[in-house]
Amino acid sequence: MATALKMPRNYLSKTLHLLARAGVLRSTRGPLGGFQLAVPAAKLTLARVTAPFDEAGDRHCLLGRAQCGDQRPCAAHAHWSALSDSLQDFFQTTTIADLVREDQSFATRARAG
C-alpha cells in the first residue's frame, strides 16, 4: 500500500494506527491481519476521518492578523468564511460510501467513453 501511495511505510503505519486509535479503522494482528473500517462506509464522514489530523474548526486569518473574526474582519474574511463553511459542510456530509460510489460511476463513464 505504501508503494502504491508513494509514501514511506513508517508514515503509513503511524497514520493507520492513529486512525485505529480514533475508532475509524479496526486493526487485526497476525499474518492474515490488517486494517478495515470500524464504521460502515455509509456512516463514516470525511470529517471523522480527518479529525485525528486537524481541528477542522480552527480558522486562521489568511492575512496573518492575530485578531480576525466576524467582529473584526480582515479584507478576505467574508470570502474565506463562506468558502470555509462550504468546505466544512462537504467534510461533514460526505461519506466514504459517497466517494466510492462516485469513483465507480467515474470508472464506468470512462470505460464507456
PDB file of N, CA and C in Angstrom:
ATOM      1  N   MET A   1       0.822  -1.186   0.000  1.00  0.00           N
ATOM      2  CA  MET A   1       0.000   0.000   0.000  1.00  0.00           C
ATOM      3  C   MET A   1       0.866   1.249   0.000  1.00  0.00           C
ATOM      4  N   ALA A   2       1.930   1.231   0.772  1.00  0.00           N
ATOM      5  CA  ALA A   2       2.812   2.395   0.834  1.00  0.00           C
ATOM      6  C   ALA A   2       3.417   2.687  -0.536  1.00  0.00           C
ATOM      7  N   THR A   3       3.778   1.650  -1.254  1.00  0.00           N
ATOM      8  CA  THR A   3       4.350   1.833  -2.593  1.00  0.00           C
ATOM      9  C   THR A   3       3.319   2.448  -3.527  1.00  0.00           C
ATOM     10  N   ALA A   4       2.091   1.932  -3.489  1.00  0.00           N
ATOM     11  CA  ALA A   4       1.031   2.447  -4.355  1.00  0.00           C
ATOM     12  C   ALA A   4       0.727   3.911  -4.048  1.00  0.00           C
ATOM     13  N   LEU A   5       0.806   4.288  -2.784  1.00  0.00           N
ATOM     14  CA  LEU A   5       0.536   5.665  -2.376  1.00  0.00           C
ATOM     15  C   LEU A   5       1.774   6.552  -2.442  1.00  0.00           C
ATOM     16  N   LYS A   6       2.922   5.934  -2.739  1.00  0.00           N
ATOM     17  CA  LYS A   6       4.197   6.647  -2.823  1.00  0.00           C
ATOM     18  C   LYS A   6       4.508   7.408  -1.535  1.00  0.00           C
ATOM     19  N   MET A   7       4.431   6.652  -0.425  1.00  0.00           N
ATOM     20  CA  MET A   7       4.744   7.239   0.880  1.00  0.00           C
ATOM     21  C   MET A   7       5.576   6.248   1.688  1.00  0.00           C
ATOM     22  N   PRO A   8       6.371   6.748   2.616  1.00  0.00           N
ATOM     23  CA  PRO A   8       7.184   5.852   3.453  1.00  0.00           C
ATOM     24  C   PRO A   8       6.296   4.912   4.278  1.00  0.00           C
ATOM     25  N   ARG A   9       6.741   3.673   4.408  1.00  0.00           N
ATOM     26  CA  ARG A   9       5.962   2.663   5.150  1.00  0.00           C
ATOM     27  C   ARG A   9       5.725   3.071   6.595  1.00  0.00           C
ATOM     28  N   ASN A  10       6.742   3.641   7.249  1.00  0.00           N
ATOM     29  CA  ASN A  10       6.576   4.010   8.659  1.00  0.00           C
ATOM     30  C   ASN A  10       5.544   5.124   8.819  1.00  0.00           C
ATOM     31  N   TYR A  11       5.483   6.052   7.861  1.00  0.00           N
ATOM     32  CA  TYR A  11       4.479   7.127   7.914  1.00  0.00           C
ATOM     33  C   TYR A  11       3.081   6.543   7.730  1.00  0.00           C
ATOM     34  N   LEU A  12       2.927   5.625   6.771  1.00  0.00           N
ATOM     35  CA  LEU A  12       1.639   4.981   6.554  1.00  0.00           C
ATOM     36  C   LEU A  12       1.220   4.190   7.787  1.00  0.00           C
ATOM     37  N   SER A  13       2.159   3.478   8.380  1.00  0.00           N
ATOM     38  CA  SER A  13       1.856   2.693   9.578  1.00  0.00           C
ATOM     39  C   SER A  13       1.371   3.584  10.721  1.00  0.00           C
ATOM     40  N   LYS A  14       2.055   4.696  10.957  1.00  0.00           N
ATOM     41  CA  LYS A  14       1.646   5.623  12.016  1.00  0.00           C
ATOM     42  C   LYS A  14       0.263   6.210  11.720  1.00  0.00           C
ATOM     43  N   THR A  15       0.021   6.522  10.460  1.00  0.00           N
ATOM     44  CA  THR A  15      -1.267   7.084  10.057  1.00  0.00           C
ATOM     45  C   THR A  15      -2.396   6.087  10.298  1.00  0.00           C
ATOM     46  N   LEU A  16      -2.195   4.840   9.873  1.00  0.00           N
ATOM     47  CA  LEU A  16      -3.220   3.812  10.055  1.00  0.00           C
ATOM     48  C   LEU A  16      -3.476   3.535  11.534  1.00  0.00           C
ATOM     49  N   HIS A  17      -2.415   3.498  12.333  1.00  0.00           N
ATOM     50  CA  HIS A  17      -2.598   3.256  13.768  1.00  0.00           C
ATOM     51  C   HIS A  17      -3.308   4.431  14.445  1.00  0.00           C
ATOM     52  N   LEU A  18      -3.030   5.646  14.011  1.00  0.00           N
ATOM     53  CA  LEU A  18      -3.732   6.813  14.551  1.00  0.00           C
ATOM     54  C   LEU A  18      -5.227   6.717  14.232  1.00  0.00           C
ATOM     55  N   LEU A  19      -5.553   6.320  13.009  1.00  0.00           N
ATOM     56  CA  LEU A  19      -6.968   6.152  12.624  1.00  0.00           C
ATOM     57  C   LEU A  19      -7.614   5.019  13.420  1.00  0.00           C
ATOM     58  N   ALA A  20      -6.856   3.989  13.733  1.00  0.00           N
ATOM     59  CA  ALA A  20      -7.396   2.893  14.549  1.00  0.00           C
ATOM     60  C   ALA A  20      -7.668   3.374  15.977  1.00  0.00           C
ATOM     61  N   ARG A  21      -6.750   4.137  16.543  1.00  0.00           N
ATOM     62  CA  ARG A  21      -6.964   4.665  17.898  1.00  0.00           C
ATOM     63  C   ARG A  21      -8.163   5.615  17.948  1.00  0.00           C
ATOM     64  N   ALA A  22      -8.437   6.282  16.831  1.00  0.00           N
ATOM     65  CA  ALA A  22      -9.566   7.223  16.765  1.00  0.00           C
ATOM     66  C   ALA A  22     -10.890   6.518  16.480  1.00  0.00           C
ATOM     67  N   GLY A  23     -10.840   5.200  16.246  1.00  0.00           N
ATOM     68  CA  GLY A  23     -12.070   4.449  16.005  1.00  0.00           C
ATOM     69  C   GLY A  23     -12.551   4.485  14.562  1.00  0.00           C
ATOM     70  N   VAL A  24     -11.714   4.961  13.665  1.00  0.00           N
ATOM     71  CA  VAL A  24     -12.068   4.998  12.241  1.00  0.00           C
ATOM     72  C   VAL A  24     -11.764   3.647  11.596  1.00  0.00           C
ATOM     73  N   LEU A  25     -10.637   3.051  11.998  1.00  0.00           N
ATOM     74  CA  LEU A  25     -10.235   1.746  11.493  1.00  0.00           C
ATOM     75  C   LEU A  25     -10.184   0.742  12.628  1.00  0.00           C
ATOM     76  N   ARG A  26     -10.217  -0.512  12.265  1.00  0.00           N
ATOM     77  CA  ARG A  26     -10.025  -1.621  13.209  1.00  0.00           C
ATOM     78  C   ARG A  26      -8.794  -2.367  12.713  1.00  0.00           C
ATOM     79  N   SER A  27      -7.890  -2.674  13.609  1.00  0.00           N
ATOM     80  CA  SER A  27      -6.691  -3.404  13.199  1.00  0.00           C
ATOM     81  C   SER A  27      -6.717  -4.811  13.771  1.00  0.00           C
ATOM     82  N   THR A  28      -6.177  -5.733  12.987  1.00  0.00           N
ATOM     83  CA  THR A  28      -6.077  -7.128  13.396  1.00  0.00           C
ATOM     84  C   THR A  28      -4.632  -7.546  13.211  1.00  0.00           C
ATOM     85  N   ARG A  29      -4.058  -8.145  14.230  1.00  0.00           N
ATOM     86  CA  ARG A  29      -2.660  -8.578  14.166  1.00  0.00           C
ATOM     87  C   ARG A  29      -2.561  -9.949  13.507  1.00  0.00           C
ATOM     88  N   GLY A  30      -1.354 -10.290  13.142  1.00  0.00           N
ATOM     89  CA  GLY A  30      -1.082 -11.619  12.622  1.00  0.00           C
ATOM     90  C   GLY A  30      -0.905 -11.659  11.119  1.00  0.00           C
ATOM     91  N   PRO A  31      -0.558 -12.851  10.615  1.00  0.00           N
ATOM     92  CA  PRO A  31      -0.266 -12.996   9.185  1.00  0.00           C
ATOM     93  C   PRO A  31      -1.463 -12.667   8.286  1.00  0.00           C
ATOM     94  N   LEU A  32      -2.656 -12.856   8.778  1.00  0.00           N
ATOM     95  CA  LEU A  32      -3.851 -12.531   7.995  1.00  0.00           C
ATOM     96  C   LEU A  32      -4.488 -11.234   8.477  1.00  0.00           C
ATOM     97  N   GLY A  33      -3.751 -10.507   9.304  1.00  0.00           N
ATOM     98  CA  GLY A  33      -4.268  -9.268   9.868  1.00  0.00           C
ATOM     99  C   GLY A  33      -4.202  -8.118   8.893  1.00  0.00           C
ATOM    100  N   GLY A  34      -4.601  -6.984   9.388  1.00  0.00           N
ATOM    101  CA  GLY A  34      -4.592  -5.782   8.575  1.00  0.00           C
ATOM    102  C   GLY A  34      -5.539  -4.758   9.155  1.00  0.00           C
ATOM    103  N   PHE A  35      -6.016  -3.871   8.321  1.00  0.00           N
ATOM    104  CA  PHE A  35      -6.909  -2.807   8.744  1.00  0.00           C
ATOM    105  C   PHE A  35      -8.204  -2.877   7.950  1.00  0.00           C
ATOM    106  N   GLN A  36      -9.285  -2.527   8.616  1.00  0.00           N
ATOM    107  CA  GLN A  36     -10.573  -2.399   7.938  1.00  0.00           C
ATOM    108  C   GLN A  36     -11.345  -1.278   8.609  1.00  0.00           C
ATOM    109  N   LEU A  37     -12.365  -0.794   7.927  1.00  0.00           N
ATOM    110  CA  LEU A  37     -13.176   0.276   8.505  1.00  0.00           C
ATOM    111  C   LEU A  37     -13.848  -0.220   9.780  1.00  0.00           C
ATOM    112  N   ALA A  38     -13.862   0.611  10.791  1.00  0.00           N
ATOM    113  CA  ALA A  38     -14.522   0.271  12.055  1.00  0.00           C
ATOM    114  C   ALA A  38     -15.970   0.739  12.047  1.00  0.00           C
ATOM    115  N   VAL A  39     -16.313   1.541  11.048  1.00  0.00           N
ATOM    116  CA  VAL A  39     -17.642   2.131  10.913  1.00  0.00           C
ATOM    117  C   VAL A  39     -18.114   1.838   9.495  1.00  0.00           C
ATOM    118  N   PRO A  40     -19.393   1.537   9.295  1.00  0.00           N
ATOM    119  CA  PRO A  40     -19.868   1.330   7.919  1.00  0.00           C
ATOM    120  C   PRO A  40     -19.549   2.545   7.041  1.00  0.00           C
ATOM    121  N   ALA A  41     -19.127   2.283   5.815  1.00  0.00           N
ATOM    122  CA  ALA A  41     -18.717   3.350   4.899  1.00  0.00           C
ATOM    123  C   ALA A  41     -19.810   4.396   4.707  1.00  0.00           C
ATOM    124  N   ALA A  42     -21.056   3.985   4.767  1.00  0.00           N
ATOM    125  CA  ALA A  42     -22.179   4.916   4.575  1.00  0.00           C
ATOM    126  C   ALA A  42     -22.359   5.854   5.768  1.00  0.00           C
ATOM    127  N   LYS A  43     -21.735   5.536   6.898  1.00  0.00           N
ATOM    128  CA  LYS A  43     -21.848   6.378   8.093  1.00  0.00           C
ATOM    129  C   LYS A  43     -20.547   7.080   8.447  1.00  0.00           C
ATOM    130  N   LEU A  44     -19.498   6.779   7.705  1.00  0.00           N
ATOM    131  CA  LEU A  44     -18.178   7.328   8.011  1.00  0.00           C
ATOM    132  C   LEU A  44     -17.935   8.583   7.177  1.00  0.00           C
ATOM    133  N   THR A  45     -18.024   9.741   7.836  1.00  0.00           N
ATOM    134  CA  THR A  45     -17.843  11.013   7.126  1.00  0.00           C
ATOM    135  C   THR A  45     -16.361  11.355   6.988  1.00  0.00           C
ATOM    136  N   LEU A  46     -16.077  12.199   6.019  1.00  0.00           N
ATOM    137  CA  LEU A  46     -14.707  12.665   5.840  1.00  0.00           C
ATOM    138  C   LEU A  46     -14.252  13.468   7.054  1.00  0.00           C
ATOM    139  N   ALA A  47     -15.171  14.152   7.701  1.00  0.00           N
ATOM    140  CA  ALA A  47     -14.821  14.916   8.907  1.00  0.00           C
ATOM    141  C   ALA A  47     -14.291  13.982   9.988  1.00  0.00           C
ATOM    142  N   ARG A  48     -14.899  12.817  10.131  1.00  0.00           N
ATOM    143  CA  ARG A  48     -14.443  11.862  11.147  1.00  0.00           C
ATOM    144  C   ARG A  48     -13.084  11.287  10.765  1.00  0.00           C
ATOM    145  N   VAL A  49     -12.854  11.067   9.485  1.00  0.00           N
ATOM    146  CA  VAL A  49     -11.571  10.520   9.038  1.00  0.00           C
ATOM    147  C   VAL A  49     -10.448  11.533   9.241  1.00  0.00           C
ATOM    148  N   THR A  50     -10.716  12.791   8.983  1.00  0.00           N
ATOM    149  CA  THR A  50      -9.660  13.811   9.086  1.00  0.00           C
ATOM    150  C   THR A  50      -9.503  14.390  10.494  1.00  0.00           C
ATOM    151  N   ALA A  51     -10.478  14.187  11.357  1.00  0.00           N
ATOM    152  CA  ALA A  51     -10.448  14.770  12.705  1.00  0.00           C
ATOM    153  C   ALA A  51      -9.176  14.461  13.493  1.00  0.00           C
ATOM    154  N   PRO A  52      -8.633  13.232  13.433  1.00  0.00           N
ATOM    155  CA  PRO A  52      -7.416  12.975  14.206  1.00  0.00           C
ATOM    156  C   PRO A  52      -6.203  13.780  13.740  1.00  0.00           C
ATOM    157  N   PHE A  53      -6.258  14.350  12.547  1.00  0.00           N
ATOM    158  CA  PHE A  53      -5.106  15.030  11.974  1.00  0.00           C
ATOM    159  C   PHE A  53      -5.174  16.549  12.065  1.00  0.00           C
ATOM    160  N   ASP A  54      -6.377  17.090  12.144  1.00  0.00           N
ATOM    161  CA  ASP A  54      -6.517  18.532  12.106  1.00  0.00           C
ATOM    162  C   ASP A  54      -7.832  18.919  12.748  1.00  0.00           C
ATOM    163  N   GLU A  55      -7.817  20.000  13.456  1.00  0.00           N
ATOM    164  CA  GLU A  55      -9.059  20.509  14.022  1.00  0.00           C
ATOM    165  C   GLU A  55      -9.732  21.360  12.963  1.00  0.00           C
ATOM    166  N   ALA A  56     -10.801  20.818  12.364  1.00  0.00           N
ATOM    167  CA  ALA A  56     -11.478  21.495  11.254  1.00  0.00           C
ATOM    168  C   ALA A  56     -12.069  22.833  11.675  1.00  0.00           C
ATOM    169  N   GLY A  57     -12.367  22.999  12.949  1.00  0.00           N
ATOM    170  CA  GLY A  57     -12.974  24.243  13.403  1.00  0.00           C
ATOM    171  C   GLY A  57     -11.998  25.396  13.521  1.00  0.00           C
ATOM    172  N   ASP A  58     -10.698  25.086  13.534  1.00  0.00           N
ATOM    173  CA  ASP A  58      -9.698  26.142  13.653  1.00  0.00           C
ATOM    174  C   ASP A  58      -9.585  26.912  12.348  1.00  0.00           C
ATOM    175  N   ARG A  59      -9.787  28.199  12.444  1.00  0.00           N
ATOM    176  CA  ARG A  59      -9.609  29.068  11.285  1.00  0.00           C
ATOM    177  C   ARG A  59      -8.536  30.079  11.622  1.00  0.00           C
ATOM    178  N   HIS A  60      -7.682  30.306  10.659  1.00  0.00           N
ATOM    179  CA  HIS A  60      -6.621  31.289  10.827  1.00  0.00           C
ATOM    180  C   HIS A  60      -6.797  32.362   9.778  1.00  0.00           C
ATOM    181  N   CYS A  61      -6.469  33.568  10.121  1.00  0.00           N
ATOM    182  CA  CYS A  61      -6.601  34.684   9.201  1.00  0.00           C
ATOM    183  C   CYS A  61      -5.671  34.481   8.002  1.00  0.00           C
ATOM    184  N   LEU A  62      -6.237  34.625   6.814  1.00  0.00           N
ATOM    185  CA  LEU A  62      -5.435  34.482   5.600  1.00  0.00           C
ATOM    186  C   LEU A  62      -4.376  35.564   5.477  1.00  0.00           C
ATOM    187  N   LEU A  63      -4.610  36.705   6.080  1.00  0.00           N
ATOM    188  CA  LEU A  63      -3.656  37.808   6.002  1.00  0.00           C
ATOM    189  C   LEU A  63      -2.715  37.848   7.206  1.00  0.00           C
ATOM    190  N   GLY A  64      -2.839  36.857   8.096  1.00  0.00           N
ATOM    191  CA  GLY A  64      -1.931  36.741   9.228  1.00  0.00           C
ATOM    192  C   GLY A  64      -2.265  37.600  10.428  1.00  0.00           C
ATOM    193  N   ARG A  65      -3.455  38.191  10.437  1.00  0.00           N
ATOM    194  CA  ARG A  65      -3.838  39.013  11.596  1.00  0.00           C
ATOM    195  C   ARG A  65      -4.055  38.144  12.827  1.00  0.00           C
ATOM    196  N   ALA A  66      -3.641  38.659  13.966  1.00  0.00           N
ATOM    197  CA  ALA A  66      -3.862  37.942  15.220  1.00  0.00           C
ATOM    198  C   ALA A  66      -5.334  37.990  15.608  1.00  0.00           C
ATOM    199  N   GLN A  67      -6.007  39.084  15.306  1.00  0.00           N
ATOM    200  CA  GLN A  67      -7.425  39.253  15.635  1.00  0.00           C
ATOM    201  C   GLN A  67      -8.209  39.389  14.333  1.00  0.00           C
ATOM    202  N   CYS A  68      -8.898  38.356  13.959  1.00  0.00           N
ATOM    203  CA  CYS A  68      -9.713  38.389  12.747  1.00  0.00           C
ATOM    204  C   CYS A  68     -10.936  37.520  13.006  1.00  0.00           C
ATOM    205  N   GLY A  69     -12.089  38.061  12.785  1.00  0.00           N
ATOM    206  CA  GLY A  69     -13.321  37.320  13.006  1.00  0.00           C
ATOM    207  C   GLY A  69     -14.499  38.141  12.534  1.00  0.00           C
ATOM    208  N   ASP A  70     -15.683  37.676  12.860  1.00  0.00           N
ATOM    209  CA  ASP A  70     -16.878  38.382  12.417  1.00  0.00           C
ATOM    210  C   ASP A  70     -16.939  39.810  12.983  1.00  0.00           C
ATOM    211  N   GLN A  71     -16.421  40.007  14.194  1.00  0.00           N
ATOM    212  CA  GLN A  71     -16.450  41.327  14.814  1.00  0.00           C
ATOM    213  C   GLN A  71     -15.362  42.258  14.279  1.00  0.00           C
ATOM    214  N   ARG A  72     -14.198  41.689  13.946  1.00  0.00           N
ATOM    215  CA  ARG A  72     -13.069  42.480  13.425  1.00  0.00           C
ATOM    216  C   ARG A  72     -12.499  41.791  12.186  1.00  0.00           C
ATOM    217  N   PRO A  73     -13.247  41.808  11.079  1.00  0.00           N
ATOM    218  CA  PRO A  73     -12.812  41.055   9.889  1.00  0.00           C
ATOM    219  C   PRO A  73     -11.693  41.741   9.111  1.00  0.00           C
ATOM    220  N   CYS A  74     -10.857  40.915   8.499  1.00  0.00           N
ATOM    221  CA  CYS A  74      -9.864  41.435   7.567  1.00  0.00           C
ATOM    222  C   CYS A  74     -10.534  41.529   6.189  1.00  0.00           C
ATOM    223  N   ALA A  75      -9.797  41.988   5.194  1.00  0.00           N
ATOM    224  CA  ALA A  75     -10.361  42.169   3.853  1.00  0.00           C
ATOM    225  C   ALA A  75     -10.796  40.852   3.214  1.00  0.00           C
ATOM    226  N   ALA A  76     -10.182  39.752   3.590  1.00  0.00           N
ATOM    227  CA  ALA A  76     -10.502  38.451   2.983  1.00  0.00           C
ATOM    228  C   ALA A  76     -11.509  37.644   3.799  1.00  0.00           C
ATOM    229  N   HIS A  77     -11.861  38.111   4.984  1.00  0.00           N
ATOM    230  CA  HIS A  77     -12.639  37.318   5.930  1.00  0.00           C
ATOM    231  C   HIS A  77     -13.978  36.810   5.365  1.00  0.00           C
ATOM    232  N   ALA A  78     -14.766  37.677   4.782  1.00  0.00           N
ATOM    233  CA  ALA A  78     -16.093  37.269   4.300  1.00  0.00           C
ATOM    234  C   ALA A  78     -15.983  36.212   3.210  1.00  0.00           C
ATOM    235  N   HIS A  79     -15.031  36.383   2.309  1.00  0.00           N
ATOM    236  CA  HIS A  79     -14.853  35.404   1.234  1.00  0.00           C
ATOM    237  C   HIS A  79     -14.350  34.081   1.785  1.00  0.00           C
ATOM    238  N   TRP A  80     -13.368  34.126   2.656  1.00  0.00           N
ATOM    239  CA  TRP A  80     -12.797  32.911   3.221  1.00  0.00           C
ATOM    240  C   TRP A  80     -13.809  32.212   4.128  1.00  0.00           C
ATOM    241  N   SER A  81     -14.557  32.964   4.884  1.00  0.00           N
ATOM    242  CA  SER A  81     -15.543  32.381   5.791  1.00  0.00           C
ATOM    243  C   SER A  81     -16.576  31.564   5.023  1.00  0.00           C
ATOM    244  N   ALA A  82     -17.073  32.103   3.920  1.00  0.00           N
ATOM    245  CA  ALA A  82     -18.061  31.381   3.104  1.00  0.00           C
ATOM    246  C   ALA A  82     -17.452  30.106   2.527  1.00  0.00           C
ATOM    247  N   LEU A  83     -16.228  30.196   2.041  1.00  0.00           N
ATOM    248  CA  LEU A  83     -15.555  29.024   1.486  1.00  0.00           C
ATOM    249  C   LEU A  83     -15.282  27.988   2.570  1.00  0.00           C
ATOM    250  N   SER A  84     -14.828  28.434   3.717  1.00  0.00           N
ATOM    251  CA  SER A  84     -14.537  27.534   4.823  1.00  0.00           C
ATOM    252  C   SER A  84     -15.803  26.821   5.305  1.00  0.00           C
ATOM    253  N   ASP A  85     -16.906  27.549   5.398  1.00  0.00           N
ATOM    254  CA  ASP A  85     -18.176  26.934   5.801  1.00  0.00           C
ATOM    255  C   ASP A  85     -18.598  25.869   4.801  1.00  0.00           C
ATOM    256  N   SER A  86     -18.438  26.168   3.522  1.00  0.00           N
ATOM    257  CA  SER A  86     -18.790  25.221   2.467  1.00  0.00           C
ATOM    258  C   SER A  86     -17.907  23.976   2.548  1.00  0.00           C
ATOM    259  N   LEU A  87     -16.631  24.172   2.790  1.00  0.00           N
ATOM    260  CA  LEU A  87     -15.695  23.053   2.904  1.00  0.00           C
ATOM    261  C   LEU A  87     -16.032  22.188   4.120  1.00  0.00           C
ATOM    262  N   GLN A  88     -16.327  22.822   5.242  1.00  0.00           N
ATOM    263  CA  GLN A  88     -16.702  22.066   6.438  1.00  0.00           C
ATOM    264  C   GLN A  88     -17.977  21.279   6.207  1.00  0.00           C
ATOM    265  N   ASP A  89     -18.940  21.881   5.518  1.00  0.00           N
ATOM    266  CA  ASP A  89     -20.181  21.178   5.201  1.00  0.00           C
ATOM    267  C   ASP A  89     -19.894  19.951   4.340  1.00  0.00           C
ATOM    268  N   PHE A  90     -19.017  20.110   3.344  1.00  0.00           N
ATOM    269  CA  PHE A  90     -18.640  18.983   2.490  1.00  0.00           C
ATOM    270  C   PHE A  90     -18.059  17.840   3.319  1.00  0.00           C
ATOM    271  N   PHE A  91     -17.120  18.144   4.215  1.00  0.00           N
ATOM    272  CA  PHE A  91     -16.493  17.110   5.028  1.00  0.00           C
ATOM    273  C   PHE A  91     -17.477  16.476   6.012  1.00  0.00           C
ATOM    274  N   GLN A  92     -18.430  17.234   6.512  1.00  0.00           N
ATOM    275  CA  GLN A  92     -19.381  16.704   7.489  1.00  0.00           C
ATOM    276  C   GLN A  92     -20.513  15.898   6.845  1.00  0.00           C
ATOM    277  N   THR A  93     -20.763  16.119   5.564  1.00  0.00           N
ATOM    278  CA  THR A  93     -21.889  15.426   4.920  1.00  0.00           C
ATOM    279  C   THR A  93     -21.465  14.378   3.899  1.00  0.00           C
ATOM    280  N   THR A  94     -20.205  14.361   3.503  1.00  0.00           N
ATOM    281  CA  THR A  94     -19.730  13.382   2.530  1.00  0.00           C
ATOM    282  C   THR A  94     -19.174  12.166   3.246  1.00  0.00           C
ATOM    283  N   THR A  95     -19.627  10.989   2.829  1.00  0.00           N
ATOM    284  CA  THR A  95     -19.169   9.748   3.452  1.00  0.00           C
ATOM    285  C   THR A  95     -18.194   9.019   2.527  1.00  0.00           C
ATOM    286  N   ILE A  96     -17.526   8.036   3.091  1.00  0.00           N
ATOM    287  CA  ILE A  96     -16.631   7.186   2.297  1.00  0.00           C
ATOM    288  C   ILE A  96     -17.442   6.477   1.211  1.00  0.00           C
ATOM    289  N   ALA A  97     -18.652   6.050   1.538  1.00  0.00           N
ATOM    290  CA  ALA A  97     -19.511   5.391   0.548  1.00  0.00           C
ATOM    291  C   ALA A  97     -19.831   6.328  -0.612  1.00  0.00           C
ATOM    292  N   ASP A  98     -20.037   7.604  -0.324  1.00  0.00           N
ATOM    293  CA  ASP A  98     -20.283   8.583  -1.390  1.00  0.00           C
ATOM    294  C   ASP A  98     -19.103   8.624  -2.358  1.00  0.00           C
ATOM    295  N   LEU A  99     -17.894   8.652  -1.830  1.00  0.00           N
ATOM    296  CA  LEU A  99     -16.701   8.720  -2.672  1.00  0.00           C
ATOM    297  C   LEU A  99     -16.524   7.445  -3.491  1.00  0.00           C
ATOM    298  N   VAL A 100     -16.784   6.306  -2.881  1.00  0.00           N
ATOM    299  CA  VAL A 100     -16.674   5.035  -3.604  1.00  0.00           C
ATOM    300  C   VAL A 100     -17.684   4.999  -4.741  1.00  0.00           C
ATOM    301  N   ARG A 101     -18.906   5.417  -4.462  1.00  0.00           N
ATOM    302  CA  ARG A 101     -19.947   5.463  -5.496  1.00  0.00           C
ATOM    303  C   ARG A 101     -19.539   6.366  -6.649  1.00  0.00           C
ATOM    304  N   GLU A 102     -19.013   7.542  -6.318  1.00  0.00           N
ATOM    305  CA  GLU A 102     -18.577   8.488  -7.349  1.00  0.00           C
ATOM    306  C   GLU A 102     -17.427   7.907  -8.160  1.00  0.00           C
ATOM    307  N   ASP A 103     -16.490   7.240  -7.485  1.00  0.00           N
ATOM    308  CA  ASP A 103     -15.352   6.651  -8.172  1.00  0.00           C
ATOM    309  C   ASP A 103     -15.818   5.557  -9.132  1.00  0.00           C
ATOM    310  N   GLN A 104     -16.748   4.717  -8.688  1.00  0.00           N
ATOM    311  CA  GLN A 104     -17.273   3.662  -9.544  1.00  0.00           C
ATOM    312  C   GLN A 104     -18.030   4.253 -10.732  1.00  0.00           C
ATOM    313  N   SER A 105     -18.777   5.295 -10.503  1.00  0.00           N
ATOM    314  CA  SER A 105     -19.518   5.963 -11.569  1.00  0.00           C
ATOM    315  C   SER A 105     -18.560   6.568 -12.583  1.00  0.00           C
ATOM    316  N   PHE A 106     -17.486   7.187 -12.097  1.00  0.00           N
ATOM    317  CA  PHE A 106     -16.485   7.782 -12.979  1.00  0.00           C
ATOM    318  C   PHE A 106     -15.811   6.702 -13.816  1.00  0.00           C
ATOM    319  N   ALA A 107     -15.448   5.580 -13.184  1.00  0.00           N
ATOM    320  CA  ALA A 107     -14.780   4.486 -13.901  1.00  0.00           C
ATOM    321  C   ALA A 107     -15.698   3.911 -14.991  1.00  0.00           C
ATOM    322  N   THR A 108     -16.990   3.803 -14.672  1.00  0.00           N
ATOM    323  CA  THR A 108     -17.948   3.282 -15.652  1.00  0.00           C
ATOM    324  C   THR A 108     -18.048   4.239 -16.835  1.00  0.00           C
ATOM    325  N   ARG A 109     -18.132   5.528 -16.579  1.00  0.00           N
ATOM    326  CA  ARG A 109     -18.209   6.527 -17.653  1.00  0.00           C
ATOM    327  C   ARG A 109     -16.937   6.535 -18.487  1.00  0.00           C
ATOM    328  N   ALA A 110     -15.790   6.367 -17.830  1.00  0.00           N
ATOM    329  CA  ALA A 110     -14.512   6.382 -18.548  1.00  0.00           C
ATOM    330  C   ALA A 110     -14.406   5.175 -19.484  1.00  0.00           C
ATOM    331  N   ARG A 111     -14.877   4.011 -19.046  1.00  0.00           N
ATOM    332  CA  ARG A 111     -14.838   2.816 -19.894  1.00  0.00           C
ATOM    333  C   ARG A 111     -15.783   2.955 -21.082  1.00  0.00           C
ATOM    334  N   ALA A 112     -16.930   3.608 -20.857  1.00  0.00           N
ATOM    335  CA  ALA A 112     -17.925   3.761 -21.916  1.00  0.00           C
ATOM    336  C   ALA A 112     -17.514   4.817 -22.928  1.00  0.00           C
ATOM    337  N   GLY A 113     -16.672   5.726 -22.473  1.00  0.00           N
ATOM    338  CA  GLY A 113     -16.389   6.822 -23.177  1.00  0.00           C
ATOM    339  C   GLY A 113     -15.654   7.366 -24.177  1.00  0.00           C
TER     340      GLY A 113
END
